Amino acid sequence: MSINDELHEVEEEIARLRSEAADLREQVNDLGPTDAVERSALITMAEQQESLADDLEVRREGLNRKLGEAGRGESRGS
């Protein structure tokens, strides 16, 4: 798998996780005040999704650095 392919997959996964987290937070807003246990569970799940997305953003930054380094290496070799 190329760096570009991996970067594309990471970006898609970040978008998916962020969307799922937003959906979970929307569900929290739709719950009544009496659903404290469910509200807490949804908030925890949303936070976990956001944490995974944050981890993937760090991975994306690393992939972008690799791409930049590969591009500089190619231009030096030309």
N, C-alpha and C. Protein backbone atom coordinates (compact mmCIF):
# COMPACT_ATOMS: atom_id res chain seq x y z
N MET A 1 0.86 -1.17 0.00
CA MET A 1 0.00 0.00 0.00
C MET A 1 0.90 1.24 0.00
N SER A 2 0.59 2.16 -0.88
CA SER A 2 1.39 3.38 -0.95
C SER A 2 1.02 4.33 0.18
N ILE A 3 1.88 5.30 0.40
CA ILE A 3 1.61 6.32 1.43
C ILE A 3 0.34 7.08 1.08
N ASN A 4 0.15 7.38 -0.21
CA ASN A 4 -1.06 8.09 -0.63
C ASN A 4 -2.32 7.28 -0.33
N ASP A 5 -2.26 5.96 -0.58
CA ASP A 5 -3.41 5.10 -0.29
C ASP A 5 -3.69 5.07 1.21
N GLU A 6 -2.64 4.92 2.00
CA GLU A 6 -2.81 4.88 3.45
C GLU A 6 -3.36 6.22 3.96
N LEU A 7 -2.84 7.31 3.42
CA LEU A 7 -3.32 8.63 3.81
C LEU A 7 -4.80 8.78 3.50
N HIS A 8 -5.21 8.32 2.33
CA HIS A 8 -6.62 8.39 1.94
C HIS A 8 -7.49 7.59 2.92
N GLU A 9 -7.04 6.39 3.27
CA GLU A 9 -7.80 5.56 4.21
C GLU A 9 -7.90 6.22 5.58
N VAL A 10 -6.80 6.79 6.04
CA VAL A 10 -6.79 7.46 7.35
C VAL A 10 -7.75 8.65 7.33
N GLU A 11 -7.74 9.43 6.26
CA GLU A 11 -8.64 10.58 6.17
C GLU A 11 -10.10 10.14 6.15
N GLU A 12 -10.41 9.05 5.45
CA GLU A 12 -11.78 8.54 5.44
C GLU A 12 -12.20 8.07 6.83
N GLU A 13 -11.29 7.41 7.53
CA GLU A 13 -11.60 6.92 8.88
C GLU A 13 -11.80 8.08 9.85
N ILE A 14 -10.99 9.13 9.73
CA ILE A 14 -11.17 10.31 10.58
C ILE A 14 -12.55 10.91 10.34
N ALA A 15 -12.92 11.06 9.09
CA ALA A 15 -14.23 11.64 8.76
C ALA A 15 -15.36 10.77 9.32
N ARG A 16 -15.21 9.44 9.21
CA ARG A 16 -16.24 8.53 9.72
C ARG A 16 -16.36 8.64 11.24
N LEU A 17 -15.22 8.65 11.91
CA LEU A 17 -15.24 8.73 13.38
C LEU A 17 -15.81 10.05 13.86
N ARG A 18 -15.43 11.14 13.21
CA ARG A 18 -15.97 12.46 13.60
C ARG A 18 -17.48 12.51 13.38
N SER A 19 -17.94 11.93 12.29
CA SER A 19 -19.37 11.90 12.01
C SER A 19 -20.12 11.07 13.05
N GLU A 20 -19.57 9.91 13.38
CA GLU A 20 -20.20 9.06 14.39
C GLU A 20 -20.24 9.76 15.75
N ALA A 21 -19.16 10.44 16.10
CA ALA A 21 -19.13 11.16 17.38
C ALA A 21 -20.18 12.26 17.40
N ALA A 22 -20.32 12.97 16.28
CA ALA A 22 -21.33 14.03 16.20
C ALA A 22 -22.73 13.43 16.32
N ASP A 23 -22.96 12.28 15.67
CA ASP A 23 -24.26 11.62 15.78
C ASP A 23 -24.56 11.21 17.22
N LEU A 24 -23.54 10.69 17.91
CA LEU A 24 -23.73 10.29 19.31
C LEU A 24 -24.06 11.51 20.17
N ARG A 25 -23.36 12.59 19.95
CA ARG A 25 -23.63 13.81 20.73
C ARG A 25 -25.03 14.35 20.43
N GLU A 26 -25.47 14.20 19.20
CA GLU A 26 -26.83 14.62 18.86
C GLU A 26 -27.85 13.76 19.60
N GLN A 27 -27.56 12.46 19.71
CA GLN A 27 -28.46 11.58 20.46
C GLN A 27 -28.53 12.00 21.92
N VAL A 28 -27.39 12.41 22.47
CA VAL A 28 -27.36 12.87 23.86
C VAL A 28 -28.29 14.07 24.02
N ASN A 29 -28.24 14.98 23.06
CA ASN A 29 -29.09 16.17 23.13
C ASN A 29 -30.57 15.83 23.02
N ASP A 30 -30.87 14.73 22.33
CA ASP A 30 -32.26 14.33 22.14
C ASP A 30 -32.84 13.59 23.34
N LEU A 31 -31.98 13.10 24.24
CA LEU A 31 -32.44 12.36 25.40
C LEU A 31 -33.05 13.31 26.43
N GLY A 32 -34.00 12.80 27.13
CA GLY A 32 -34.57 13.57 28.23
C GLY A 32 -33.64 13.53 29.44
N PRO A 33 -33.87 14.39 30.39
CA PRO A 33 -32.99 14.47 31.57
C PRO A 33 -33.04 13.23 32.46
N THR A 34 -34.03 12.36 32.24
CA THR A 34 -34.15 11.18 33.10
C THR A 34 -33.28 10.02 32.62
N ASP A 35 -32.68 10.13 31.44
CA ASP A 35 -31.89 9.04 30.89
C ASP A 35 -30.40 9.24 31.18
N ALA A 36 -30.05 9.42 32.44
CA ALA A 36 -28.67 9.76 32.82
C ALA A 36 -27.68 8.66 32.47
N VAL A 37 -28.05 7.40 32.65
CA VAL A 37 -27.14 6.29 32.37
C VAL A 37 -26.87 6.21 30.87
N GLU A 38 -27.92 6.29 30.08
CA GLU A 38 -27.75 6.23 28.63
C GLU A 38 -26.99 7.47 28.13
N ARG A 39 -27.29 8.60 28.71
CA ARG A 39 -26.60 9.84 28.33
C ARG A 39 -25.09 9.69 28.60
N SER A 40 -24.75 9.17 29.76
CA SER A 40 -23.35 8.98 30.12
C SER A 40 -22.66 8.00 29.16
N ALA A 41 -23.35 6.93 28.81
CA ALA A 41 -22.77 5.95 27.89
C ALA A 41 -22.54 6.56 26.51
N LEU A 42 -23.48 7.35 26.04
CA LEU A 42 -23.34 7.99 24.73
C LEU A 42 -22.19 9.00 24.72
N ILE A 43 -22.08 9.76 25.80
CA ILE A 43 -20.99 10.73 25.91
C ILE A 43 -19.64 10.01 25.91
N THR A 44 -19.56 8.92 26.64
CA THR A 44 -18.32 8.14 26.69
C THR A 44 -17.97 7.59 25.31
N MET A 45 -18.95 7.06 24.60
CA MET A 45 -18.71 6.54 23.26
C MET A 45 -18.26 7.65 22.31
N ALA A 46 -18.88 8.81 22.40
CA ALA A 46 -18.50 9.94 21.55
C ALA A 46 -17.06 10.36 21.85
N GLU A 47 -16.70 10.41 23.12
CA GLU A 47 -15.34 10.78 23.50
C GLU A 47 -14.33 9.76 23.00
N GLN A 48 -14.69 8.48 23.02
CA GLN A 48 -13.80 7.44 22.51
C GLN A 48 -13.61 7.59 21.01
N GLN A 49 -14.69 7.87 20.29
CA GLN A 49 -14.59 8.08 18.84
C GLN A 49 -13.69 9.28 18.54
N GLU A 50 -13.87 10.35 19.29
CA GLU A 50 -13.06 11.55 19.08
C GLU A 50 -11.59 11.29 19.41
N SER A 51 -11.33 10.49 20.42
CA SER A 51 -9.97 10.15 20.78
C SER A 51 -9.31 9.32 19.66
N LEU A 52 -10.05 8.38 19.11
CA LEU A 52 -9.52 7.60 17.99
C LEU A 52 -9.24 8.51 16.79
N ALA A 53 -10.12 9.43 16.52
CA ALA A 53 -9.93 10.38 15.42
C ALA A 53 -8.69 11.24 15.68
N ASP A 54 -8.49 11.66 16.92
CA ASP A 54 -7.29 12.44 17.26
C ASP A 54 -6.02 11.63 17.01
N ASP A 55 -6.05 10.35 17.39
CA ASP A 55 -4.90 9.48 17.14
C ASP A 55 -4.63 9.35 15.64
N LEU A 56 -5.69 9.22 14.86
CA LEU A 56 -5.52 9.10 13.41
C LEU A 56 -5.02 10.40 12.80
N GLU A 57 -5.37 11.53 13.38
CA GLU A 57 -4.86 12.80 12.87
C GLU A 57 -3.35 12.89 13.07
N VAL A 58 -2.85 12.35 14.17
CA VAL A 58 -1.41 12.29 14.39
C VAL A 58 -0.77 11.39 13.32
N ARG A 59 -1.43 10.27 13.04
CA ARG A 59 -0.93 9.36 11.99
C ARG A 59 -0.93 10.07 10.64
N ARG A 60 -1.98 10.83 10.35
CA ARG A 60 -2.07 11.56 9.09
C ARG A 60 -0.92 12.56 8.96
N GLU A 61 -0.61 13.25 10.04
CA GLU A 61 0.50 14.20 10.02
C GLU A 61 1.82 13.49 9.70
N GLY A 62 2.01 12.31 10.26
CA GLY A 62 3.21 11.53 9.97
C GLY A 62 3.27 11.11 8.51
N LEU A 63 2.14 10.70 7.98
CA LEU A 63 2.09 10.31 6.56
C LEU A 63 2.36 11.51 5.66
N ASN A 64 1.81 12.66 6.01
CA ASN A 64 2.07 13.87 5.22
C ASN A 64 3.55 14.24 5.26
N ARG A 65 4.19 14.05 6.42
CA ARG A 65 5.63 14.31 6.52
C ARG A 65 6.40 13.36 5.61
N LYS A 66 6.01 12.08 5.63
CA LYS A 66 6.68 11.11 4.76
C LYS A 66 6.52 11.49 3.30
N LEU A 67 5.34 11.92 2.93
CA LEU A 67 5.11 12.34 1.55
C LEU A 67 5.99 13.53 1.19
N GLY A 68 6.10 14.48 2.10
CA GLY A 68 6.94 15.65 1.87
C GLY A 68 8.41 15.25 1.73
N GLU A 69 8.85 14.34 2.58
CA GLU A 69 10.23 13.88 2.51
C GLU A 69 10.48 13.11 1.22
N ALA A 70 9.52 12.29 0.82
CA ALA A 70 9.66 11.53 -0.42
C ALA A 70 9.71 12.48 -1.61
N GLY A 71 8.89 13.53 -1.57
CA GLY A 71 8.87 14.50 -2.65
C GLY A 71 10.18 15.27 -2.75
N ARG A 72 10.74 15.60 -1.60
CA ARG A 72 12.02 16.32 -1.60
C ARG A 72 13.14 15.40 -2.10
N GLY A 73 13.05 14.14 -1.74
CA GLY A 73 14.06 13.18 -2.19
C GLY A 73 14.02 12.98 -3.68
N GLU A 74 12.81 12.96 -4.24
CA GLU A 74 12.66 12.80 -5.69
C GLU A 74 13.18 14.01 -6.42
N SER A 75 12.92 15.21 -5.88
CA SER A 75 13.36 16.43 -6.57
C SER A 75 14.88 16.56 -6.50
N ARG A 76 15.51 16.06 -5.45
CA ARG A 76 16.96 16.10 -5.36
C ARG A 76 17.59 15.12 -6.34
N GLY A 77 16.91 14.01 -6.54
CA GLY A 77 17.44 12.98 -7.44
C GLY A 77 17.29 13.34 -8.90
N SER A 78 16.48 14.33 -9.22
CA SER A 78 16.22 14.70 -10.62
C SER A 78 17.31 15.55 -11.19
